[in-house]
Amino acid sequence: MKKFDALIIGSGQAGTPLAFRLAAEGMTVAMIEKGTVGGTCVNTGCTPTKAYVASARRMWDARHSEEFGVFLQGEPLADLKKIKARKDKIVAGSVHGISKGFEDEPKITLVKGEAAFVSDYVIRVKEEEYTAPKIFINAGARALVPEEYQEADFLTNESILELTELPEHLLIIGGSYIGLEFGQLFRRFGSKVTIIERSDQIINREDADTSSAIREILEDDGVQFLTGVQNIAATGKTGKIKVTYEKDQKEHVVSGTHLLLAIGRLPNTDRLNLEATNIEKDKRNYITVNDYCETNVKGVFALGDCNGKGAFTHTSYNDFEIAASFLFDQKKRKISDRILTYGLFIDPPLGRVGMTKKEALEKGLKVREGYLEMSKIGRAVEKGETKGFMRILVNGNDKIIGASILGVGGDEIVSGILNLMISEISYTALRDTVVLHPTVSELIPTALGKLKEVGSK
């Protein structure tokens, strides 16, 4: 049996920086990775999809250039092979950097293969067994594939990034973050796109008017939606996909060439043989952790997507910071300290922090709202980016409790609001700030200067 000071399962956005921190503290580390180093974000998540979003934006710019007095000859064409090659180059650069970092650090040993627990502190990889007093599970998650879709050829968020030819008609099951992002970018590339969603409202966790505005943005790009449908099923091979569904007590069929499943995510905990341990999971198979990412087994931690405390790169990285603080920095960080923030990276993007208006009202909070449409913001008009709005929620104690910035720069602007919230400063500090002109964010103080009482339920 090979002994280390620490074992890490998965080189994602929590596992990789943790390995280097542990090594810097003098610990020997075995980094166990069954796939390509870097995890979801680098290989099949943030990095590749944002590269595609950038290419899709260039297609939008070309198609709308005449509105800005710029004339291009002919219809712009998306070459998916070149788009993919650019994406692959960016990904490869990140993977190379991580791999070289592991190679250059003598205290880190990269172990290639799938990890399976033998007991609480023993892990088997292929024919070898490894043990350590500290174990960190950063196993990630994967696309959910229900039985009703397994008779059809389907794509996931991973396999769709390997296409080299544009789908003629892409059918997407699921109208939330992954489905909306891929739907818009492939529509901009030139594919016909239909998004099928069980709920009446897409991106259901958002306020209804936010959902409606996002749908309108995608429909303006030509994306078609089928919402409020039931009993969805799919059959067929690539090129001849059929999706059946029921609506208004009638059965309907929509045909396409490709099918993307964007229904949800499953933690990879079922592949770790946790049954051989005392490590506890919840009913959704997420590993149960305390405020410091430690499981019920002392010295065993779960970080990132597999602990159910966040499904984002930034929360995964924060899990690393929390675990490192627990071990080396007097427990200065914890999960309950962070405020939920995330983005929907359509174009224009949605930046979100804290509560939605619906959540605040359901909690019975006294809420005031600062609201301004992007079409009223000079810089947005000048840039030709007038879709969306900004909404900031303030409670009875003059603290900002949530914000939704849907529009140009929304994914960047929201961080400034988050900083104010985490500092627990009155909204008046932002309201009274002299902000750079001309910018989109300069109208945030204006919105905060015209708060409207929303009330409570």
Foldseek 3Di string as FASTA:
>chain_A
DAEWQEEEEAQELQRLVLCVLCVVVVTAYEYEYADQHHPCCLAQRVQLLVLLLVVLVVLVCQVCVVVVVDDDPDRDAFQLQVSLVVSVVSSVVVSVVSVVVQVVRPRYHYHHAFWADQEPFWIDGDHDIYGHLAYEYAQAKAADDDPLAVQEDAAESNVVSVDRDQWQEEEEEAQAQSRLSVQQSSLSNPHAYEYEYQAQFGNPQADRVVRVLSVVVSVVSPYHYHYNWADWGWHDYQQWIWIWIDDPNDIDIDTTRHYYYPHDIAGPQVRHNCVSYPFDADPRQATDADFLQATPDPNYGYAEPRNVLDPDSVRRNVSSVSNCCVVPVVNPHTSVLAWDWDKRVNVVIKTKTAHHPVVCQVVQFWKWKQKDFQLVAPVCVVVVKRRDIKIWIATPVQATGMIIGGTHCNNPLVVVNRVRRSVRHGPVVVLPDCDDPPDSNNCVNVSVVDIDTPGHD
